Amino acid sequence: MLKAWADAQDDTPPPASASQLARHIEYIAATLPRQSVDDEAGEKRTAVYTSLLSGFSNRALAYMARKACETLDWFPTPRQCLEILQGYNAPPSEKDTALALCHRFWQGKFEDWIAAVKDGNVDQETIDNAPLQWRKIAMERGFLRWIEEECRYVIRRKIIAEASL
């Protein structure tokens, strides 16, 4: 159920609002010097920054503003802003966390199953009901064997034991 819920989630962070974007640009502007421009050039510059940065999340823009202030001597160009944003790693979303929990759960189940197969402590029904990928892995590891006549995987030890009788 957790995997179904996680798969149904859209974990794309919402883009920053215009006011959030403006705050980040103002933060940089208050910290780093920049070339003086007239009002018309300033409006055009603002339009370029808005166009290029408007799709990013508020957290990504906060990262960009902080990194720009930490690493640059002058107000960043749009290209520098985009380069800084390439280094941003979003924190794991609820979807990522849920899928990681599902993976850990199934990895544990697989490890328990493969250990039981290795030890020969499973019945044929348990082998037949295991996911095909698990059976293939067990066969590659030498714990199971594919019996063509029966169209199924069986424990290799039992085949060897039966053959020696």
N, C-alpha and C. Protein backbone atom coordinates (compact mmCIF):
# COMPACT_ATOMS: atom_id res chain seq x y z
N MET A 1 0.83 -1.19 0.00
CA MET A 1 0.00 0.00 0.00
C MET A 1 0.87 1.26 0.00
N LEU A 2 2.00 1.18 0.71
CA LEU A 2 2.89 2.35 0.76
C LEU A 2 3.45 2.64 -0.62
N LYS A 3 3.84 1.60 -1.35
CA LYS A 3 4.37 1.80 -2.70
C LYS A 3 3.31 2.38 -3.62
N ALA A 4 2.10 1.90 -3.52
CA ALA A 4 1.02 2.43 -4.35
C ALA A 4 0.80 3.91 -4.04
N TRP A 5 0.84 4.25 -2.75
CA TRP A 5 0.69 5.66 -2.38
C TRP A 5 1.84 6.48 -2.95
N ALA A 6 3.07 5.98 -2.78
CA ALA A 6 4.25 6.72 -3.25
C ALA A 6 4.21 6.91 -4.76
N ASP A 7 3.83 5.87 -5.48
CA ASP A 7 3.77 5.97 -6.94
C ASP A 7 2.74 6.99 -7.40
N ALA A 8 1.73 7.22 -6.59
CA ALA A 8 0.67 8.16 -6.97
C ALA A 8 1.04 9.61 -6.65
N GLN A 9 2.15 9.81 -5.91
CA GLN A 9 2.53 11.16 -5.50
C GLN A 9 3.30 11.88 -6.59
N ASP A 10 3.03 13.17 -6.70
CA ASP A 10 3.83 14.03 -7.57
C ASP A 10 4.80 14.75 -6.65
N ASP A 11 6.07 14.35 -6.71
CA ASP A 11 7.03 14.93 -5.78
C ASP A 11 7.80 16.12 -6.36
N THR A 12 7.31 16.65 -7.45
CA THR A 12 7.94 17.82 -8.04
C THR A 12 7.66 19.03 -7.15
N PRO A 13 8.73 19.67 -6.66
CA PRO A 13 8.47 20.83 -5.80
C PRO A 13 7.85 21.95 -6.61
N PRO A 14 6.94 22.69 -6.00
CA PRO A 14 6.31 23.79 -6.74
C PRO A 14 7.33 24.88 -7.03
N PRO A 15 7.19 25.54 -8.16
CA PRO A 15 8.12 26.64 -8.45
C PRO A 15 7.91 27.78 -7.46
N ALA A 16 8.97 28.53 -7.24
CA ALA A 16 8.90 29.68 -6.33
C ALA A 16 7.92 30.70 -6.89
N SER A 17 7.26 31.39 -6.01
CA SER A 17 6.37 32.47 -6.45
C SER A 17 7.21 33.65 -6.91
N ALA A 18 6.57 34.58 -7.59
CA ALA A 18 7.28 35.76 -8.08
C ALA A 18 7.86 36.55 -6.90
N SER A 19 7.14 36.63 -5.79
CA SER A 19 7.65 37.38 -4.64
C SER A 19 8.84 36.66 -4.00
N GLN A 20 8.81 35.32 -3.97
CA GLN A 20 9.95 34.58 -3.43
C GLN A 20 11.18 34.78 -4.30
N LEU A 21 11.01 34.70 -5.61
CA LEU A 21 12.11 34.93 -6.53
C LEU A 21 12.67 36.33 -6.33
N ALA A 22 11.80 37.30 -6.23
CA ALA A 22 12.23 38.69 -6.05
C ALA A 22 13.02 38.84 -4.75
N ARG A 23 12.58 38.17 -3.67
CA ARG A 23 13.30 38.25 -2.40
C ARG A 23 14.72 37.71 -2.51
N HIS A 24 14.89 36.60 -3.24
CA HIS A 24 16.22 36.01 -3.40
C HIS A 24 17.13 36.93 -4.23
N ILE A 25 16.58 37.51 -5.27
CA ILE A 25 17.36 38.44 -6.09
C ILE A 25 17.72 39.68 -5.25
N GLU A 26 16.77 40.17 -4.46
CA GLU A 26 17.04 41.33 -3.60
C GLU A 26 18.11 41.01 -2.56
N TYR A 27 18.09 39.80 -2.04
CA TYR A 27 19.10 39.37 -1.06
C TYR A 27 20.49 39.44 -1.69
N ILE A 28 20.61 38.90 -2.90
CA ILE A 28 21.90 38.96 -3.59
C ILE A 28 22.29 40.41 -3.87
N ALA A 29 21.33 41.19 -4.35
CA ALA A 29 21.60 42.59 -4.69
C ALA A 29 22.02 43.40 -3.47
N ALA A 30 21.49 43.07 -2.31
CA ALA A 30 21.85 43.80 -1.10
C ALA A 30 23.24 43.42 -0.61
N THR A 31 23.73 42.27 -1.06
CA THR A 31 25.01 41.75 -0.58
C THR A 31 26.15 41.99 -1.55
N LEU A 32 25.89 41.80 -2.84
CA LEU A 32 26.95 41.88 -3.84
C LEU A 32 26.81 43.13 -4.70
N PRO A 33 27.91 43.77 -5.02
CA PRO A 33 27.83 44.95 -5.90
C PRO A 33 27.50 44.53 -7.33
N ARG A 34 26.93 45.47 -8.08
CA ARG A 34 26.62 45.20 -9.49
C ARG A 34 26.75 46.50 -10.26
N GLN A 35 26.78 46.34 -11.57
CA GLN A 35 26.89 47.51 -12.43
C GLN A 35 25.62 48.34 -12.35
N SER A 36 25.81 49.62 -12.41
CA SER A 36 24.65 50.51 -12.44
C SER A 36 24.04 50.50 -13.83
N VAL A 37 22.73 50.49 -13.88
CA VAL A 37 22.02 50.54 -15.16
C VAL A 37 20.83 51.47 -15.01
N ASP A 38 20.34 51.95 -16.16
CA ASP A 38 19.15 52.80 -16.10
C ASP A 38 17.91 51.94 -15.86
N ASP A 39 16.79 52.58 -15.66
CA ASP A 39 15.55 51.87 -15.33
C ASP A 39 15.15 50.88 -16.41
N GLU A 40 15.26 51.28 -17.66
CA GLU A 40 14.85 50.40 -18.76
C GLU A 40 15.73 49.15 -18.81
N ALA A 41 17.03 49.31 -18.69
CA ALA A 41 17.94 48.17 -18.69
C ALA A 41 17.69 47.30 -17.46
N GLY A 42 17.40 47.93 -16.33
CA GLY A 42 17.09 47.18 -15.11
C GLY A 42 15.86 46.33 -15.27
N GLU A 43 14.82 46.86 -15.93
CA GLU A 43 13.60 46.09 -16.16
C GLU A 43 13.87 44.92 -17.09
N LYS A 44 14.67 45.14 -18.11
CA LYS A 44 15.01 44.05 -19.03
C LYS A 44 15.82 42.98 -18.31
N ARG A 45 16.75 43.40 -17.47
CA ARG A 45 17.58 42.46 -16.72
C ARG A 45 16.69 41.63 -15.79
N THR A 46 15.78 42.30 -15.11
CA THR A 46 14.86 41.60 -14.21
C THR A 46 14.02 40.59 -14.99
N ALA A 47 13.57 40.96 -16.17
CA ALA A 47 12.77 40.05 -16.99
C ALA A 47 13.58 38.81 -17.37
N VAL A 48 14.86 38.98 -17.67
CA VAL A 48 15.71 37.84 -18.03
C VAL A 48 15.87 36.91 -16.83
N TYR A 49 16.20 37.47 -15.67
CA TYR A 49 16.36 36.65 -14.46
C TYR A 49 15.06 35.92 -14.13
N THR A 50 13.96 36.61 -14.23
CA THR A 50 12.66 36.01 -13.94
C THR A 50 12.36 34.88 -14.91
N SER A 51 12.62 35.09 -16.18
CA SER A 51 12.35 34.08 -17.19
C SER A 51 13.20 32.82 -16.95
N LEU A 52 14.46 33.01 -16.63
CA LEU A 52 15.36 31.87 -16.48
C LEU A 52 15.21 31.15 -15.14
N LEU A 53 14.81 31.86 -14.10
CA LEU A 53 14.80 31.27 -12.76
C LEU A 53 13.42 30.93 -12.23
N SER A 54 12.38 31.31 -12.96
CA SER A 54 11.03 31.16 -12.43
C SER A 54 10.57 29.71 -12.25
N GLY A 55 11.21 28.75 -12.88
CA GLY A 55 10.78 27.36 -12.73
C GLY A 55 11.37 26.63 -11.55
N PHE A 56 12.29 27.28 -10.85
CA PHE A 56 12.97 26.62 -9.73
C PHE A 56 12.20 26.79 -8.43
N SER A 57 12.40 25.84 -7.53
CA SER A 57 11.70 25.89 -6.23
C SER A 57 12.31 26.98 -5.35
N ASN A 58 11.57 27.34 -4.33
CA ASN A 58 12.04 28.34 -3.37
C ASN A 58 13.32 27.87 -2.70
N ARG A 59 13.39 26.59 -2.33
CA ARG A 59 14.60 26.05 -1.70
C ARG A 59 15.80 26.13 -2.63
N ALA A 60 15.60 25.81 -3.90
CA ALA A 60 16.69 25.86 -4.87
C ALA A 60 17.20 27.30 -5.01
N LEU A 61 16.27 28.24 -5.07
CA LEU A 61 16.67 29.64 -5.20
C LEU A 61 17.36 30.15 -3.94
N ALA A 62 16.95 29.69 -2.80
CA ALA A 62 17.62 30.06 -1.55
C ALA A 62 19.06 29.54 -1.56
N TYR A 63 19.23 28.32 -2.05
CA TYR A 63 20.57 27.75 -2.19
C TYR A 63 21.41 28.60 -3.13
N MET A 64 20.82 28.96 -4.26
CA MET A 64 21.53 29.77 -5.24
C MET A 64 21.96 31.12 -4.65
N ALA A 65 21.05 31.77 -3.95
CA ALA A 65 21.36 33.07 -3.37
C ALA A 65 22.48 32.95 -2.33
N ARG A 66 22.39 31.95 -1.49
CA ARG A 66 23.41 31.75 -0.46
C ARG A 66 24.77 31.46 -1.09
N LYS A 67 24.80 30.56 -2.08
CA LYS A 67 26.07 30.20 -2.75
C LYS A 67 26.64 31.39 -3.51
N ALA A 68 25.80 32.16 -4.15
CA ALA A 68 26.28 33.34 -4.87
C ALA A 68 26.96 34.29 -3.91
N CYS A 69 26.35 34.52 -2.77
CA CYS A 69 26.92 35.44 -1.78
C CYS A 69 28.21 34.88 -1.17
N GLU A 70 28.28 33.56 -1.04
CA GLU A 70 29.47 32.92 -0.47
C GLU A 70 30.64 32.90 -1.43
N THR A 71 30.37 32.76 -2.72
CA THR A 71 31.45 32.47 -3.67
C THR A 71 31.76 33.57 -4.68
N LEU A 72 30.86 34.50 -4.87
CA LEU A 72 31.06 35.51 -5.92
C LEU A 72 31.39 36.88 -5.32
N ASP A 73 32.10 37.67 -6.12
CA ASP A 73 32.44 39.03 -5.70
C ASP A 73 31.47 40.05 -6.28
N TRP A 74 30.79 39.68 -7.34
CA TRP A 74 29.86 40.58 -8.02
C TRP A 74 28.52 39.90 -8.18
N PHE A 75 27.49 40.67 -8.41
CA PHE A 75 26.15 40.13 -8.68
C PHE A 75 26.26 39.13 -9.82
N PRO A 76 25.69 37.95 -9.66
CA PRO A 76 25.88 36.90 -10.68
C PRO A 76 25.13 37.18 -11.98
N THR A 77 25.71 36.70 -13.04
CA THR A 77 25.03 36.74 -14.33
C THR A 77 23.97 35.64 -14.32
N PRO A 78 23.02 35.67 -15.24
CA PRO A 78 22.06 34.57 -15.30
C PRO A 78 22.75 33.21 -15.47
N ARG A 79 23.80 33.18 -16.25
CA ARG A 79 24.53 31.93 -16.46
C ARG A 79 25.13 31.43 -15.14
N GLN A 80 25.71 32.34 -14.37
CA GLN A 80 26.26 31.93 -13.08
C GLN A 80 25.18 31.41 -12.14
N CYS A 81 24.01 32.03 -12.18
CA CYS A 81 22.89 31.56 -11.36
C CYS A 81 22.52 30.13 -11.75
N LEU A 82 22.42 29.88 -13.04
CA LEU A 82 22.07 28.53 -13.51
C LEU A 82 23.16 27.52 -13.16
N GLU A 83 24.42 27.92 -13.24
CA GLU A 83 25.51 27.02 -12.87
C GLU A 83 25.44 26.67 -11.39
N ILE A 84 25.16 27.64 -10.57
CA ILE A 84 25.02 27.38 -9.13
C ILE A 84 23.86 26.42 -8.88
N LEU A 85 22.76 26.64 -9.58
CA LEU A 85 21.58 25.78 -9.39
C LEU A 85 21.84 24.34 -9.80
N GLN A 86 22.79 24.11 -10.70
CA GLN A 86 23.13 22.73 -11.08
C GLN A 86 23.69 21.95 -9.90
N GLY A 87 24.29 22.66 -8.93
CA GLY A 87 24.85 22.00 -7.76
C GLY A 87 23.84 21.75 -6.65
N TYR A 88 22.61 22.19 -6.85
CA TYR A 88 21.59 22.02 -5.81
C TYR A 88 21.07 20.59 -5.79
N ASN A 89 21.04 20.01 -4.61
CA ASN A 89 20.45 18.68 -4.42
C ASN A 89 19.25 18.83 -3.49
N ALA A 90 18.10 18.60 -4.03
CA ALA A 90 16.87 18.72 -3.24
C ALA A 90 16.86 17.66 -2.15
N PRO A 91 16.30 17.97 -0.99
CA PRO A 91 16.18 16.95 0.05
C PRO A 91 15.21 15.87 -0.42
N PRO A 92 15.33 14.67 0.14
CA PRO A 92 14.43 13.60 -0.28
C PRO A 92 12.96 13.99 -0.01
N SER A 93 12.14 13.69 -0.96
CA SER A 93 10.71 13.97 -0.81
C SER A 93 10.05 12.84 -0.01
N GLU A 94 8.80 13.06 0.35
CA GLU A 94 8.05 11.99 1.04
C GLU A 94 7.96 10.76 0.14
N LYS A 95 7.83 10.99 -1.16
CA LYS A 95 7.77 9.88 -2.11
C LYS A 95 9.09 9.11 -2.09
N ASP A 96 10.21 9.82 -2.14
CA ASP A 96 11.52 9.16 -2.11
C ASP A 96 11.68 8.34 -0.83
N THR A 97 11.29 8.92 0.29
CA THR A 97 11.41 8.24 1.58
C THR A 97 10.53 6.99 1.61
N ALA A 98 9.31 7.11 1.11
CA ALA A 98 8.40 5.96 1.09
C ALA A 98 8.94 4.85 0.19
N LEU A 99 9.44 5.23 -0.98
CA LEU A 99 9.99 4.21 -1.89
C LEU A 99 11.24 3.56 -1.31
N ALA A 100 12.06 4.32 -0.58
CA ALA A 100 13.23 3.74 0.06
C ALA A 100 12.81 2.74 1.13
N LEU A 101 11.76 3.08 1.89
CA LEU A 101 11.25 2.14 2.90
C LEU A 101 10.73 0.86 2.24
N CYS A 102 10.03 1.01 1.14
CA CYS A 102 9.53 -0.16 0.41
C CYS A 102 10.70 -1.02 -0.09
N HIS A 103 11.72 -0.35 -0.62
CA HIS A 103 12.88 -1.08 -1.13
C HIS A 103 13.56 -1.86 0.00
N ARG A 104 13.75 -1.19 1.15
CA ARG A 104 14.37 -1.87 2.29
C ARG A 104 13.54 -3.06 2.75
N PHE A 105 12.22 -2.90 2.75
CA PHE A 105 11.33 -3.98 3.16
C PHE A 105 11.51 -5.18 2.23
N TRP A 106 11.43 -4.94 0.91
CA TRP A 106 11.53 -6.04 -0.04
C TRP A 106 12.94 -6.61 -0.11
N GLN A 107 13.94 -5.78 0.11
CA GLN A 107 15.32 -6.29 0.15
C GLN A 107 15.48 -7.24 1.33
N GLY A 108 14.89 -6.88 2.46
CA GLY A 108 14.93 -7.78 3.63
C GLY A 108 14.21 -9.08 3.37
N LYS A 109 13.04 -9.00 2.74
CA LYS A 109 12.28 -10.22 2.40
C LYS A 109 13.10 -11.10 1.46
N PHE A 110 13.73 -10.47 0.46
CA PHE A 110 14.54 -11.22 -0.49
C PHE A 110 15.71 -11.90 0.21
N GLU A 111 16.40 -11.16 1.09
CA GLU A 111 17.55 -11.74 1.78
C GLU A 111 17.14 -12.91 2.67
N ASP A 112 15.99 -12.79 3.33
CA ASP A 112 15.48 -13.91 4.14
C ASP A 112 15.16 -15.10 3.25
N TRP A 113 14.52 -14.84 2.11
CA TRP A 113 14.13 -15.90 1.20
C TRP A 113 15.36 -16.60 0.63
N ILE A 114 16.34 -15.80 0.18
CA ILE A 114 17.53 -16.40 -0.44
C ILE A 114 18.32 -17.21 0.58
N ALA A 115 18.34 -16.76 1.86
CA ALA A 115 19.03 -17.53 2.90
C ALA A 115 18.32 -18.85 3.14
N ALA A 116 16.99 -18.82 3.13
CA ALA A 116 16.23 -20.06 3.32
C ALA A 116 16.45 -21.02 2.15
N VAL A 117 16.50 -20.48 0.95
CA VAL A 117 16.75 -21.33 -0.23
C VAL A 117 18.15 -21.93 -0.15
N LYS A 118 19.10 -21.11 0.21
CA LYS A 118 20.49 -21.58 0.34
C LYS A 118 20.59 -22.73 1.34
N ASP A 119 19.86 -22.59 2.44
CA ASP A 119 19.88 -23.63 3.48
C ASP A 119 18.97 -24.81 3.14
N GLY A 120 18.18 -24.68 2.09
CA GLY A 120 17.25 -25.74 1.72
C GLY A 120 16.01 -25.80 2.60
N ASN A 121 15.69 -24.68 3.26
CA ASN A 121 14.57 -24.64 4.20
C ASN A 121 13.31 -24.06 3.61
N VAL A 122 13.03 -24.33 2.36
CA VAL A 122 11.79 -23.86 1.73
C VAL A 122 11.16 -25.01 0.98
N ASP A 123 9.84 -24.96 0.92
CA ASP A 123 9.15 -25.99 0.15
C ASP A 123 9.00 -25.51 -1.30
N GLN A 124 8.57 -26.39 -2.15
CA GLN A 124 8.45 -26.07 -3.57
C GLN A 124 7.43 -24.97 -3.82
N GLU A 125 6.37 -24.93 -3.05
CA GLU A 125 5.35 -23.90 -3.22
C GLU A 125 5.94 -22.51 -2.96
N THR A 126 6.79 -22.41 -1.94
CA THR A 126 7.43 -21.13 -1.62
C THR A 126 8.33 -20.69 -2.77
N ILE A 127 9.03 -21.63 -3.36
CA ILE A 127 9.88 -21.31 -4.52
C ILE A 127 9.01 -20.87 -5.69
N ASP A 128 7.95 -21.61 -5.97
CA ASP A 128 7.08 -21.29 -7.10
C ASP A 128 6.40 -19.94 -6.94
N ASN A 129 6.12 -19.53 -5.71
CA ASN A 129 5.41 -18.27 -5.46
C ASN A 129 6.34 -17.06 -5.37
N ALA A 130 7.64 -17.30 -5.35
CA ALA A 130 8.59 -16.18 -5.28
C ALA A 130 8.63 -15.45 -6.62
N PRO A 131 8.94 -14.17 -6.60
CA PRO A 131 9.06 -13.44 -7.87
C PRO A 131 10.09 -14.09 -8.78
N LEU A 132 9.84 -14.04 -10.06
CA LEU A 132 10.72 -14.66 -11.05
C LEU A 132 12.16 -14.16 -10.91
N GLN A 133 12.31 -12.87 -10.70
CA GLN A 133 13.66 -12.31 -10.57
C GLN A 133 14.41 -12.93 -9.40
N TRP A 134 13.73 -13.16 -8.29
CA TRP A 134 14.36 -13.80 -7.14
C TRP A 134 14.82 -15.21 -7.50
N ARG A 135 13.98 -15.94 -8.20
CA ARG A 135 14.33 -17.31 -8.59
C ARG A 135 15.53 -17.32 -9.53
N LYS A 136 15.55 -16.36 -10.45
CA LYS A 136 16.69 -16.28 -11.38
C LYS A 136 17.99 -15.97 -10.64
N ILE A 137 17.92 -15.06 -9.66
CA ILE A 137 19.11 -14.74 -8.87
C ILE A 137 19.57 -15.96 -8.08
N ALA A 138 18.63 -16.68 -7.49
CA ALA A 138 18.98 -17.88 -6.73
C ALA A 138 19.61 -18.92 -7.64
N MET A 139 19.13 -19.00 -8.88
CA MET A 139 19.73 -19.94 -9.83
C MET A 139 21.14 -19.49 -10.20
N GLU A 140 21.33 -18.20 -10.44
CA GLU A 140 22.67 -17.69 -10.77
C GLU A 140 23.65 -17.91 -9.63
N ARG A 141 23.16 -17.88 -8.41
CA ARG A 141 24.02 -18.10 -7.24
C ARG A 141 24.24 -19.59 -6.97
N GLY A 142 23.57 -20.44 -7.73
CA GLY A 142 23.78 -21.88 -7.59
C GLY A 142 22.89 -22.55 -6.57
N PHE A 143 21.85 -21.88 -6.08
CA PHE A 143 20.97 -22.46 -5.08
C PHE A 143 19.78 -23.16 -5.71
N LEU A 144 19.36 -22.72 -6.88
CA LEU A 144 18.24 -23.33 -7.60
C LEU A 144 18.72 -23.80 -8.97
N ARG A 145 17.92 -24.69 -9.52
CA ARG A 145 18.17 -25.16 -10.87
C ARG A 145 16.85 -25.16 -11.62
N TRP A 146 16.89 -24.81 -12.91
CA TRP A 146 15.71 -24.82 -13.76
C TRP A 146 15.54 -26.22 -14.32
N ILE A 147 14.38 -26.81 -14.10
CA ILE A 147 14.06 -28.14 -14.63
C ILE A 147 13.12 -27.93 -15.81
N GLU A 148 13.63 -28.14 -16.99
CA GLU A 148 12.88 -27.86 -18.22
C GLU A 148 11.61 -28.72 -18.32
N GLU A 149 11.71 -30.00 -17.99
CA GLU A 149 10.57 -30.90 -18.10
C GLU A 149 9.41 -30.49 -17.19
N GLU A 150 9.72 -29.94 -16.04
CA GLU A 150 8.70 -29.54 -15.08
C GLU A 150 8.36 -28.05 -15.19
N CYS A 151 9.15 -27.31 -15.97
CA CYS A 151 8.98 -25.86 -16.14
C CYS A 151 8.96 -25.13 -14.79
N ARG A 152 9.96 -25.44 -13.96
CA ARG A 152 10.04 -24.75 -12.68
C ARG A 152 11.45 -24.84 -12.12
N TYR A 153 11.67 -23.98 -11.11
CA TYR A 153 12.94 -23.97 -10.39
C TYR A 153 12.82 -24.88 -9.17
N VAL A 154 13.87 -25.61 -8.89
CA VAL A 154 13.89 -26.46 -7.71
C VAL A 154 15.22 -26.26 -6.99
N ILE A 155 15.25 -26.65 -5.72
CA ILE A 155 16.48 -26.52 -4.95
C ILE A 155 17.53 -27.48 -5.49
N ARG A 156 18.69 -26.94 -5.78
CA ARG A 156 19.78 -27.72 -6.37
C ARG A 156 20.18 -28.88 -5.47
N ARG A 157 20.26 -28.67 -4.16
CA ARG A 157 20.65 -29.73 -3.24
C ARG A 157 19.75 -30.94 -3.34
N LYS A 158 18.44 -30.70 -3.48
CA LYS A 158 17.49 -31.82 -3.56
C LYS A 158 17.71 -32.62 -4.84
N ILE A 159 18.05 -31.93 -5.90
CA ILE A 159 18.32 -32.65 -7.17
C ILE A 159 19.56 -33.52 -7.00
N ILE A 160 20.60 -32.95 -6.41
CA ILE A 160 21.84 -33.70 -6.21
C ILE A 160 21.61 -34.87 -5.28
N ALA A 161 20.83 -34.65 -4.21
CA ALA A 161 20.54 -35.73 -3.26
C ALA A 161 19.72 -36.83 -3.93
N GLU A 162 18.72 -36.45 -4.73
CA GLU A 162 17.88 -37.43 -5.40
C GLU A 162 18.68 -38.20 -6.45
N ALA A 163 19.61 -37.55 -7.12
CA ALA A 163 20.41 -38.19 -8.15
C ALA A 163 21.36 -39.24 -7.55
N SER A 164 21.79 -38.99 -6.31
CA SER A 164 22.73 -39.92 -5.70
C SER A 164 22.03 -41.13 -5.09
N LEU A 165 20.70 -41.13 -5.02
CA LEU A 165 19.97 -42.27 -4.44
C LEU A 165 19.90 -43.42 -5.37
